[in-house]
Amino acid sequence: MSVDKAGQFYIDGAWVEPVDGAGGTLDVIDPATEAKVGAVVLGTAADLDRAVKAARTAFQIYSQTSVEERIALLEKIAAVYKARFTDMGKAISQDMGAPISFATRFQAGAGMGHFRTAAGALKEFHFHEDWGPTAVVREPIGVVGMITPWNWPANQMCCKIAGALAAGCTMVLKPSEV
């Protein structure tokens, strides 16, 4: 993320300022060097309400997308992720204090792999199955609330986002404050 976006949230397809700024900011410290590498804005209940409302609205449209459209989206995300692979590794390294080679190869690699795996699984997944006189229909359920852990944040974000997008759900993501 660019520095100019660090004080904003991505809600409803756009970078937006916090509702009232009451949440303050949290410094991002590289655990390996103890240097401040950035700061992120903290949200309030009003920011969360705005994000959930936007995700509910988006769900009405996104839940109706075809499997092919979801596959294309996941593949596009994986392609952009791959193009920014070095940047991802650097950001993960600074966030976690992991060596750059480890952060890039394993942490960033795992994240990209989740999008590719979700796209591949979606190509084979059956949303409708007939079991004798019974039909099982799997459909998007709604907005997914996601909280990421501190110990493998990029991997967990990608894993959760890829699954939600594959299922046809929208989401609100809250990273760890640790």
N, C-alpha and C. Protein backbone atom coordinates (compact mmCIF):
# COMPACT_ATOMS: atom_id res chain seq x y z
N MET A 1 0.86 -1.17 0.00
CA MET A 1 0.00 0.00 0.00
C MET A 1 0.90 1.22 0.00
N SER A 2 0.51 2.19 -0.75
CA SER A 2 1.29 3.42 -0.77
C SER A 2 1.06 4.19 0.52
N VAL A 3 2.02 5.00 0.87
CA VAL A 3 1.94 5.76 2.10
C VAL A 3 0.71 6.66 2.12
N ASP A 4 0.32 7.21 0.99
CA ASP A 4 -0.82 8.12 0.96
C ASP A 4 -2.14 7.42 1.24
N LYS A 5 -2.19 6.10 1.18
CA LYS A 5 -3.42 5.36 1.46
C LYS A 5 -3.43 4.80 2.88
N ALA A 6 -2.32 4.89 3.60
CA ALA A 6 -2.21 4.28 4.93
C ALA A 6 -3.19 4.87 5.93
N GLY A 7 -3.66 6.08 5.71
CA GLY A 7 -4.61 6.70 6.62
C GLY A 7 -6.05 6.54 6.18
N GLN A 8 -6.29 5.61 5.26
CA GLN A 8 -7.63 5.42 4.72
C GLN A 8 -8.04 3.96 4.78
N PHE A 9 -9.32 3.74 4.55
CA PHE A 9 -9.88 2.39 4.43
C PHE A 9 -10.35 2.17 3.00
N TYR A 10 -10.31 0.93 2.57
CA TYR A 10 -10.83 0.60 1.24
C TYR A 10 -12.25 0.08 1.45
N ILE A 11 -13.23 0.90 1.14
CA ILE A 11 -14.64 0.57 1.36
C ILE A 11 -15.42 0.92 0.11
N ASP A 12 -16.25 0.01 -0.32
CA ASP A 12 -17.15 0.25 -1.45
C ASP A 12 -16.39 0.62 -2.73
N GLY A 13 -15.23 -0.02 -2.91
CA GLY A 13 -14.47 0.17 -4.14
C GLY A 13 -13.65 1.44 -4.20
N ALA A 14 -13.46 2.11 -3.07
CA ALA A 14 -12.69 3.35 -3.07
C ALA A 14 -11.93 3.52 -1.76
N TRP A 15 -10.84 4.26 -1.82
CA TRP A 15 -10.12 4.63 -0.60
C TRP A 15 -10.85 5.80 0.04
N VAL A 16 -11.22 5.64 1.31
CA VAL A 16 -12.01 6.66 2.01
C VAL A 16 -11.37 7.03 3.34
N GLU A 17 -11.63 8.24 3.76
CA GLU A 17 -11.16 8.71 5.05
C GLU A 17 -12.01 8.08 6.16
N PRO A 18 -11.44 7.91 7.35
CA PRO A 18 -12.24 7.43 8.48
C PRO A 18 -13.42 8.37 8.73
N VAL A 19 -14.50 7.83 9.29
CA VAL A 19 -15.71 8.63 9.51
C VAL A 19 -15.42 9.85 10.37
N ASP A 20 -14.79 9.65 11.52
CA ASP A 20 -14.57 10.80 12.40
C ASP A 20 -13.13 10.93 12.89
N GLY A 21 -12.27 10.03 12.48
CA GLY A 21 -10.87 10.11 12.88
C GLY A 21 -10.61 9.77 14.33
N ALA A 22 -11.63 9.33 15.06
CA ALA A 22 -11.49 9.07 16.48
C ALA A 22 -10.68 7.81 16.80
N GLY A 23 -10.48 6.96 15.79
CA GLY A 23 -9.76 5.71 16.04
C GLY A 23 -8.27 5.88 16.24
N GLY A 24 -7.72 6.97 15.76
CA GLY A 24 -6.29 7.20 15.89
C GLY A 24 -5.50 6.36 14.89
N THR A 25 -4.21 6.24 15.15
CA THR A 25 -3.34 5.46 14.27
C THR A 25 -2.52 4.48 15.09
N LEU A 26 -1.97 3.52 14.39
CA LEU A 26 -1.10 2.51 15.00
C LEU A 26 0.17 2.46 14.18
N ASP A 27 1.30 2.64 14.86
CA ASP A 27 2.58 2.54 14.16
C ASP A 27 2.83 1.09 13.75
N VAL A 28 3.41 0.92 12.57
CA VAL A 28 3.83 -0.39 12.09
C VAL A 28 5.34 -0.46 12.33
N ILE A 29 5.75 -1.41 13.17
CA ILE A 29 7.14 -1.56 13.56
C ILE A 29 7.70 -2.84 12.96
N ASP A 30 8.84 -2.74 12.30
CA ASP A 30 9.54 -3.92 11.78
C ASP A 30 10.15 -4.63 12.99
N PRO A 31 9.69 -5.84 13.34
CA PRO A 31 10.21 -6.53 14.51
C PRO A 31 11.71 -6.84 14.44
N ALA A 32 12.25 -6.95 13.24
CA ALA A 32 13.66 -7.28 13.09
C ALA A 32 14.56 -6.09 13.40
N THR A 33 14.11 -4.89 13.07
CA THR A 33 14.94 -3.70 13.25
C THR A 33 14.40 -2.74 14.30
N GLU A 34 13.17 -2.95 14.71
CA GLU A 34 12.45 -2.08 15.63
C GLU A 34 12.26 -0.67 15.07
N ALA A 35 12.40 -0.54 13.76
CA ALA A 35 12.18 0.74 13.11
C ALA A 35 10.71 0.89 12.71
N LYS A 36 10.22 2.10 12.81
CA LYS A 36 8.86 2.38 12.33
C LYS A 36 8.90 2.37 10.81
N VAL A 37 8.04 1.55 10.21
CA VAL A 37 8.00 1.47 8.74
C VAL A 37 6.72 2.06 8.18
N GLY A 38 5.85 2.50 9.06
CA GLY A 38 4.60 3.10 8.61
C GLY A 38 3.64 3.28 9.76
N ALA A 39 2.44 3.67 9.42
CA ALA A 39 1.36 3.81 10.40
C ALA A 39 0.06 3.53 9.67
N VAL A 40 -0.86 2.93 10.37
CA VAL A 40 -2.18 2.65 9.80
C VAL A 40 -3.24 3.27 10.69
N VAL A 41 -4.34 3.61 10.08
CA VAL A 41 -5.44 4.22 10.81
C VAL A 41 -6.26 3.11 11.48
N LEU A 42 -6.75 3.39 12.67
CA LEU A 42 -7.61 2.45 13.39
C LEU A 42 -9.06 2.86 13.19
N GLY A 43 -9.90 1.89 12.98
CA GLY A 43 -11.30 2.16 12.73
C GLY A 43 -12.13 2.27 13.99
N THR A 44 -13.31 2.81 13.82
CA THR A 44 -14.29 2.92 14.90
C THR A 44 -15.53 2.14 14.50
N ALA A 45 -16.50 2.10 15.39
CA ALA A 45 -17.76 1.43 15.08
C ALA A 45 -18.42 2.05 13.86
N ALA A 46 -18.30 3.35 13.70
CA ALA A 46 -18.90 4.03 12.53
C ALA A 46 -18.23 3.58 11.24
N ASP A 47 -16.91 3.39 11.27
CA ASP A 47 -16.20 2.89 10.08
C ASP A 47 -16.64 1.47 9.75
N LEU A 48 -16.77 0.65 10.78
CA LEU A 48 -17.22 -0.72 10.58
C LEU A 48 -18.64 -0.75 10.01
N ASP A 49 -19.52 0.06 10.55
CA ASP A 49 -20.89 0.11 10.04
C ASP A 49 -20.91 0.48 8.56
N ARG A 50 -20.09 1.45 8.18
CA ARG A 50 -20.02 1.87 6.78
C ARG A 50 -19.51 0.72 5.90
N ALA A 51 -18.50 0.00 6.38
CA ALA A 51 -17.95 -1.12 5.61
C ALA A 51 -18.96 -2.26 5.47
N VAL A 52 -19.66 -2.58 6.55
CA VAL A 52 -20.65 -3.66 6.49
C VAL A 52 -21.80 -3.27 5.56
N LYS A 53 -22.25 -2.04 5.64
CA LYS A 53 -23.33 -1.58 4.76
C LYS A 53 -22.91 -1.69 3.29
N ALA A 54 -21.70 -1.27 2.98
CA ALA A 54 -21.20 -1.36 1.60
C ALA A 54 -21.08 -2.81 1.16
N ALA A 55 -20.60 -3.67 2.05
CA ALA A 55 -20.45 -5.09 1.70
C ALA A 55 -21.81 -5.75 1.49
N ARG A 56 -22.80 -5.37 2.28
CA ARG A 56 -24.15 -5.91 2.08
C ARG A 56 -24.72 -5.48 0.72
N THR A 57 -24.51 -4.22 0.38
CA THR A 57 -24.98 -3.72 -0.91
C THR A 57 -24.26 -4.44 -2.05
N ALA A 58 -22.96 -4.58 -1.94
CA ALA A 58 -22.17 -5.26 -2.98
C ALA A 58 -22.56 -6.73 -3.10
N PHE A 59 -22.94 -7.35 -1.98
CA PHE A 59 -23.32 -8.76 -2.00
C PHE A 59 -24.50 -9.00 -2.93
N GLN A 60 -25.43 -8.07 -2.98
CA GLN A 60 -26.61 -8.24 -3.84
C GLN A 60 -26.21 -8.45 -5.30
N ILE A 61 -25.13 -7.82 -5.72
CA ILE A 61 -24.65 -7.96 -7.10
C ILE A 61 -23.64 -9.09 -7.22
N TYR A 62 -22.63 -9.10 -6.32
CA TYR A 62 -21.54 -10.07 -6.46
C TYR A 62 -22.03 -11.51 -6.28
N SER A 63 -23.00 -11.72 -5.43
CA SER A 63 -23.50 -13.09 -5.20
C SER A 63 -24.15 -13.68 -6.45
N GLN A 64 -24.49 -12.83 -7.39
CA GLN A 64 -25.13 -13.29 -8.63
C GLN A 64 -24.12 -13.53 -9.76
N THR A 65 -22.84 -13.29 -9.50
CA THR A 65 -21.85 -13.51 -10.55
C THR A 65 -21.74 -14.99 -10.87
N SER A 66 -21.39 -15.28 -12.09
CA SER A 66 -21.23 -16.67 -12.51
C SER A 66 -19.91 -17.24 -11.98
N VAL A 67 -19.83 -18.54 -11.97
CA VAL A 67 -18.59 -19.21 -11.57
C VAL A 67 -17.45 -18.75 -12.47
N GLU A 68 -17.72 -18.62 -13.74
CA GLU A 68 -16.69 -18.18 -14.69
C GLU A 68 -16.18 -16.77 -14.36
N GLU A 69 -17.08 -15.89 -13.96
CA GLU A 69 -16.67 -14.54 -13.58
C GLU A 69 -15.82 -14.56 -12.31
N ARG A 70 -16.17 -15.41 -11.37
CA ARG A 70 -15.39 -15.52 -10.13
C ARG A 70 -14.01 -16.10 -10.41
N ILE A 71 -13.95 -17.09 -11.28
CA ILE A 71 -12.65 -17.67 -11.66
C ILE A 71 -11.78 -16.59 -12.30
N ALA A 72 -12.36 -15.83 -13.21
CA ALA A 72 -11.61 -14.76 -13.89
C ALA A 72 -11.10 -13.74 -12.88
N LEU A 73 -11.92 -13.39 -11.89
CA LEU A 73 -11.50 -12.43 -10.87
C LEU A 73 -10.34 -12.99 -10.06
N LEU A 74 -10.45 -14.23 -9.60
CA LEU A 74 -9.38 -14.85 -8.82
C LEU A 74 -8.09 -14.96 -9.62
N GLU A 75 -8.21 -15.30 -10.89
CA GLU A 75 -7.02 -15.39 -11.74
C GLU A 75 -6.39 -14.01 -11.96
N LYS A 76 -7.21 -12.98 -12.08
CA LYS A 76 -6.71 -11.62 -12.23
C LYS A 76 -5.98 -11.17 -10.97
N ILE A 77 -6.56 -11.47 -9.82
CA ILE A 77 -5.91 -11.12 -8.55
C ILE A 77 -4.56 -11.82 -8.46
N ALA A 78 -4.52 -13.11 -8.79
CA ALA A 78 -3.26 -13.87 -8.76
C ALA A 78 -2.23 -13.26 -9.70
N ALA A 79 -2.67 -12.80 -10.87
CA ALA A 79 -1.75 -12.20 -11.84
C ALA A 79 -1.19 -10.87 -11.32
N VAL A 80 -2.04 -10.05 -10.73
CA VAL A 80 -1.57 -8.78 -10.16
C VAL A 80 -0.63 -9.06 -8.99
N TYR A 81 -0.99 -10.02 -8.17
CA TYR A 81 -0.16 -10.42 -7.03
C TYR A 81 1.22 -10.85 -7.53
N LYS A 82 1.24 -11.65 -8.59
CA LYS A 82 2.52 -12.11 -9.15
C LYS A 82 3.34 -10.93 -9.66
N ALA A 83 2.70 -9.98 -10.31
CA ALA A 83 3.40 -8.81 -10.83
C ALA A 83 3.99 -7.96 -9.70
N ARG A 84 3.39 -8.02 -8.53
CA ARG A 84 3.85 -7.24 -7.37
C ARG A 84 4.52 -8.13 -6.33
N PHE A 85 4.96 -9.30 -6.75
CA PHE A 85 5.49 -10.32 -5.84
C PHE A 85 6.64 -9.79 -4.97
N THR A 86 7.57 -9.09 -5.57
CA THR A 86 8.71 -8.55 -4.82
C THR A 86 8.23 -7.52 -3.80
N ASP A 87 7.29 -6.66 -4.20
CA ASP A 87 6.72 -5.68 -3.27
C ASP A 87 6.02 -6.37 -2.11
N MET A 88 5.29 -7.44 -2.42
CA MET A 88 4.59 -8.19 -1.37
C MET A 88 5.59 -8.76 -0.37
N GLY A 89 6.66 -9.37 -0.89
CA GLY A 89 7.68 -9.94 -0.01
C GLY A 89 8.30 -8.89 0.89
N LYS A 90 8.60 -7.72 0.34
CA LYS A 90 9.20 -6.65 1.13
C LYS A 90 8.23 -6.17 2.22
N ALA A 91 6.98 -5.97 1.86
CA ALA A 91 5.98 -5.51 2.84
C ALA A 91 5.79 -6.54 3.95
N ILE A 92 5.72 -7.81 3.57
CA ILE A 92 5.55 -8.87 4.57
C ILE A 92 6.77 -8.94 5.47
N SER A 93 7.96 -8.82 4.89
CA SER A 93 9.19 -8.85 5.67
C SER A 93 9.21 -7.74 6.71
N GLN A 94 8.84 -6.53 6.30
CA GLN A 94 8.82 -5.41 7.23
C GLN A 94 7.74 -5.57 8.29
N ASP A 95 6.61 -6.12 7.93
CA ASP A 95 5.51 -6.29 8.87
C ASP A 95 5.81 -7.36 9.91
N MET A 96 6.46 -8.44 9.47
CA MET A 96 6.68 -9.59 10.36
C MET A 96 8.10 -9.68 10.90
N GLY A 97 9.04 -8.97 10.29
CA GLY A 97 10.42 -9.09 10.70
C GLY A 97 11.10 -10.33 10.16
N ALA A 98 10.47 -10.98 9.20
CA ALA A 98 11.02 -12.20 8.60
C ALA A 98 12.10 -11.83 7.58
N PRO A 99 13.09 -12.70 7.40
CA PRO A 99 14.08 -12.44 6.34
C PRO A 99 13.36 -12.28 4.99
N ILE A 100 13.87 -11.38 4.16
CA ILE A 100 13.22 -11.07 2.88
C ILE A 100 13.06 -12.31 2.01
N SER A 101 14.04 -13.20 2.01
CA SER A 101 13.94 -14.41 1.18
C SER A 101 12.80 -15.30 1.66
N PHE A 102 12.65 -15.44 2.97
CA PHE A 102 11.57 -16.25 3.53
C PHE A 102 10.22 -15.59 3.29
N ALA A 103 10.15 -14.29 3.55
CA ALA A 103 8.89 -13.57 3.37
C ALA A 103 8.42 -13.63 1.93
N THR A 104 9.35 -13.51 1.00
CA THR A 104 8.97 -13.53 -0.41
C THR A 104 8.61 -14.93 -0.87
N ARG A 105 9.50 -15.88 -0.62
CA ARG A 105 9.28 -17.24 -1.14
C ARG A 105 8.08 -17.92 -0.48
N PHE A 106 8.04 -17.89 0.83
CA PHE A 106 7.02 -18.66 1.53
C PHE A 106 5.76 -17.86 1.87
N GLN A 107 5.95 -16.68 2.47
CA GLN A 107 4.78 -15.90 2.86
C GLN A 107 4.02 -15.36 1.65
N ALA A 108 4.73 -14.66 0.78
CA ALA A 108 4.07 -14.12 -0.41
C ALA A 108 3.65 -15.25 -1.33
N GLY A 109 4.48 -16.28 -1.42
CA GLY A 109 4.14 -17.42 -2.27
C GLY A 109 2.87 -18.12 -1.83
N ALA A 110 2.72 -18.29 -0.52
CA ALA A 110 1.50 -18.94 -0.01
C ALA A 110 0.27 -18.10 -0.32
N GLY A 111 0.39 -16.79 -0.15
CA GLY A 111 -0.75 -15.92 -0.43
C GLY A 111 -1.19 -16.01 -1.88
N MET A 112 -0.24 -15.93 -2.79
CA MET A 112 -0.57 -16.04 -4.22
C MET A 112 -1.17 -17.41 -4.52
N GLY A 113 -0.63 -18.43 -3.87
CA GLY A 113 -1.13 -19.78 -4.08
C GLY A 113 -2.59 -19.95 -3.70
N HIS A 114 -3.04 -19.23 -2.68
CA HIS A 114 -4.44 -19.34 -2.27
C HIS A 114 -5.39 -18.87 -3.38
N PHE A 115 -5.03 -17.80 -4.07
CA PHE A 115 -5.89 -17.31 -5.15
C PHE A 115 -5.89 -18.29 -6.32
N ARG A 116 -4.73 -18.83 -6.63
CA ARG A 116 -4.65 -19.81 -7.72
C ARG A 116 -5.41 -21.09 -7.37
N THR A 117 -5.25 -21.54 -6.13
CA THR A 117 -5.92 -22.76 -5.69
C THR A 117 -7.44 -22.58 -5.68
N ALA A 118 -7.90 -21.43 -5.20
CA ALA A 118 -9.34 -21.18 -5.18
C ALA A 118 -9.91 -21.16 -6.58
N ALA A 119 -9.20 -20.55 -7.52
CA ALA A 119 -9.67 -20.53 -8.92
C ALA A 119 -9.72 -21.94 -9.48
N GLY A 120 -8.69 -22.74 -9.20
CA GLY A 120 -8.66 -24.12 -9.68
C GLY A 120 -9.76 -24.97 -9.07
N ALA A 121 -9.98 -24.82 -7.77
CA ALA A 121 -11.03 -25.59 -7.10
C ALA A 121 -12.40 -25.20 -7.62
N LEU A 122 -12.58 -23.94 -7.90
CA LEU A 122 -13.86 -23.45 -8.39
C LEU A 122 -14.22 -24.06 -9.74
N LYS A 123 -13.20 -24.37 -10.53
CA LYS A 123 -13.44 -24.98 -11.85
C LYS A 123 -14.05 -26.37 -11.72
N GLU A 124 -13.83 -27.02 -10.59
CA GLU A 124 -14.32 -28.39 -10.39
C GLU A 124 -15.46 -28.48 -9.38
N PHE A 125 -15.78 -27.39 -8.72
CA PHE A 125 -16.76 -27.43 -7.63
C PHE A 125 -18.18 -27.50 -8.18
N HIS A 126 -19.01 -28.30 -7.53
CA HIS A 126 -20.41 -28.46 -7.94
C HIS A 126 -21.30 -27.72 -6.94
N PHE A 127 -21.90 -26.64 -7.39
CA PHE A 127 -22.79 -25.87 -6.53
C PHE A 127 -24.18 -26.48 -6.47
N HIS A 128 -24.48 -27.35 -7.40
CA HIS A 128 -25.79 -28.03 -7.43
C HIS A 128 -25.54 -29.52 -7.62
N GLU A 129 -26.07 -30.32 -6.70
CA GLU A 129 -25.96 -31.77 -6.82
C GLU A 129 -27.31 -32.41 -6.53
N ASP A 130 -27.67 -33.36 -7.33
CA ASP A 130 -28.89 -34.13 -7.09
C ASP A 130 -28.51 -35.40 -6.35
N TRP A 131 -29.14 -35.62 -5.21
CA TRP A 131 -28.94 -36.83 -4.41
C TRP A 131 -30.28 -37.55 -4.35
N GLY A 132 -30.54 -38.35 -5.35
CA GLY A 132 -31.83 -39.02 -5.43
C GLY A 132 -32.92 -37.98 -5.60
N PRO A 133 -33.94 -38.02 -4.74
CA PRO A 133 -35.03 -37.05 -4.86
C PRO A 133 -34.69 -35.69 -4.23
N THR A 134 -33.49 -35.57 -3.70
CA THR A 134 -33.09 -34.35 -3.01
C THR A 134 -32.03 -33.60 -3.81
N ALA A 135 -32.13 -32.30 -3.81
CA ALA A 135 -31.11 -31.46 -4.45
C ALA A 135 -30.37 -30.69 -3.36
N VAL A 136 -29.06 -30.67 -3.48
CA VAL A 136 -28.23 -29.87 -2.59
C VAL A 136 -27.70 -28.69 -3.41
N VAL A 137 -28.06 -27.49 -2.98
CA VAL A 137 -27.64 -26.28 -3.68
C VAL A 137 -26.79 -25.46 -2.73
N ARG A 138 -25.57 -25.22 -3.14
CA ARG A 138 -24.66 -24.39 -2.34
C ARG A 138 -24.65 -23.00 -2.96
N GLU A 139 -24.92 -22.00 -2.12
CA GLU A 139 -25.01 -20.64 -2.63
C GLU A 139 -24.36 -19.66 -1.66
N PRO A 140 -24.01 -18.48 -2.13
CA PRO A 140 -23.39 -17.48 -1.26
C PRO A 140 -24.29 -17.17 -0.07
N ILE A 141 -23.68 -17.00 1.09
CA ILE A 141 -24.47 -16.82 2.30
C ILE A 141 -24.59 -15.36 2.72
N GLY A 142 -23.63 -14.52 2.37
CA GLY A 142 -23.71 -13.11 2.77
C GLY A 142 -22.34 -12.50 2.94
N VAL A 143 -22.30 -11.49 3.80
CA VAL A 143 -21.05 -10.79 4.10
C VAL A 143 -20.25 -11.64 5.09
N VAL A 144 -18.98 -11.82 4.79
CA VAL A 144 -18.09 -12.58 5.67
C VAL A 144 -17.27 -11.59 6.49
N GLY A 145 -17.30 -11.75 7.80
CA GLY A 145 -16.44 -10.96 8.69
C GLY A 145 -15.13 -11.70 8.89
N MET A 146 -14.02 -11.04 8.63
CA MET A 146 -12.70 -11.68 8.69
C MET A 146 -11.79 -10.92 9.64
N ILE A 147 -11.14 -11.66 10.53
CA ILE A 147 -10.12 -11.08 11.40
C ILE A 147 -8.86 -11.90 11.19
N THR A 148 -7.76 -11.24 10.91
CA THR A 148 -6.51 -11.95 10.64
C THR A 148 -5.65 -12.03 11.90
N PRO A 149 -4.88 -13.10 12.03
CA PRO A 149 -3.97 -13.21 13.17
C PRO A 149 -2.69 -12.41 12.93
N TRP A 150 -1.94 -12.22 13.95
CA TRP A 150 -0.69 -11.46 13.84
C TRP A 150 0.44 -12.30 13.26
N ASN A 151 0.36 -13.62 13.38
CA ASN A 151 1.54 -14.44 13.10
C ASN A 151 1.69 -14.89 11.65
N TRP A 152 0.71 -14.75 10.83
CA TRP A 152 0.83 -15.08 9.41
C TRP A 152 -0.19 -14.25 8.66
N PRO A 153 -0.16 -12.94 8.80
CA PRO A 153 -1.27 -12.11 8.34
C PRO A 153 -1.54 -12.15 6.85
N ALA A 154 -0.53 -12.02 6.02
CA ALA A 154 -0.77 -12.00 4.57
C ALA A 154 -1.35 -13.32 4.09
N ASN A 155 -0.78 -14.41 4.57
CA ASN A 155 -1.27 -15.73 4.19
C ASN A 155 -2.74 -15.89 4.58
N GLN A 156 -3.06 -15.53 5.80
CA GLN A 156 -4.43 -15.70 6.28
C GLN A 156 -5.42 -14.78 5.57
N MET A 157 -4.99 -13.56 5.27
CA MET A 157 -5.88 -12.67 4.51
C MET A 157 -6.18 -13.26 3.14
N CYS A 158 -5.15 -13.70 2.46
CA CYS A 158 -5.34 -14.26 1.11
C CYS A 158 -6.21 -15.51 1.15
N CYS A 159 -5.97 -16.37 2.13
CA CYS A 159 -6.75 -17.61 2.26
C CYS A 159 -8.24 -17.29 2.45
N LYS A 160 -8.53 -16.35 3.32
CA LYS A 160 -9.92 -16.01 3.61
C LYS A 160 -10.58 -15.26 2.45
N ILE A 161 -9.86 -14.32 1.87
CA ILE A 161 -10.41 -13.54 0.76
C ILE A 161 -10.69 -14.43 -0.44
N ALA A 162 -9.73 -15.30 -0.77
CA ALA A 162 -9.90 -16.19 -1.93
C ALA A 162 -11.12 -17.09 -1.76
N GLY A 163 -11.30 -17.65 -0.58
CA GLY A 163 -12.45 -18.51 -0.33
C GLY A 163 -13.77 -17.78 -0.41
N ALA A 164 -13.81 -16.58 0.16
CA ALA A 164 -15.05 -15.79 0.12
C ALA A 164 -15.40 -15.40 -1.31
N LEU A 165 -14.41 -14.94 -2.07
CA LEU A 165 -14.67 -14.56 -3.46
C LEU A 165 -15.12 -15.76 -4.29
N ALA A 166 -14.49 -16.90 -4.07
CA ALA A 166 -14.88 -18.11 -4.80
C ALA A 166 -16.32 -18.50 -4.50
N ALA A 167 -16.73 -18.32 -3.25
CA ALA A 167 -18.09 -18.70 -2.84
C ALA A 167 -19.14 -17.68 -3.27
N GLY A 168 -18.72 -16.51 -3.71
CA GLY A 168 -19.68 -15.49 -4.11
C GLY A 168 -20.05 -14.53 -3.00
N CYS A 169 -19.22 -14.49 -1.96
CA CYS A 169 -19.50 -13.63 -0.82
C CYS A 169 -18.67 -12.35 -0.86
N THR A 170 -19.18 -11.33 -0.21
CA THR A 170 -18.41 -10.11 0.00
C THR A 170 -17.85 -10.17 1.42
N MET A 171 -17.01 -9.21 1.78
CA MET A 171 -16.35 -9.33 3.07
C MET A 171 -15.99 -7.99 3.67
N VAL A 172 -15.74 -8.04 4.98
CA VAL A 172 -15.12 -6.95 5.72
C VAL A 172 -13.94 -7.59 6.44
N LEU A 173 -12.75 -7.05 6.22
CA LEU A 173 -11.51 -7.62 6.76
C LEU A 173 -10.91 -6.68 7.78
N LYS A 174 -10.58 -7.24 8.95
CA LYS A 174 -9.92 -6.48 10.00
C LYS A 174 -8.60 -7.17 10.32
N PRO A 175 -7.48 -6.50 10.04
CA PRO A 175 -6.18 -7.09 10.39
C PRO A 175 -5.91 -7.00 11.88
N SER A 176 -4.93 -7.78 12.33
CA SER A 176 -4.52 -7.76 13.72
C SER A 176 -3.92 -6.42 14.09
N GLU A 177 -4.08 -6.03 15.34
CA GLU A 177 -3.46 -4.81 15.83
C GLU A 177 -2.13 -5.09 16.50
N VAL A 178 -1.74 -6.36 16.56
CA VAL A 178 -0.48 -6.74 17.22
C VAL A 178 0.65 -6.58 16.25
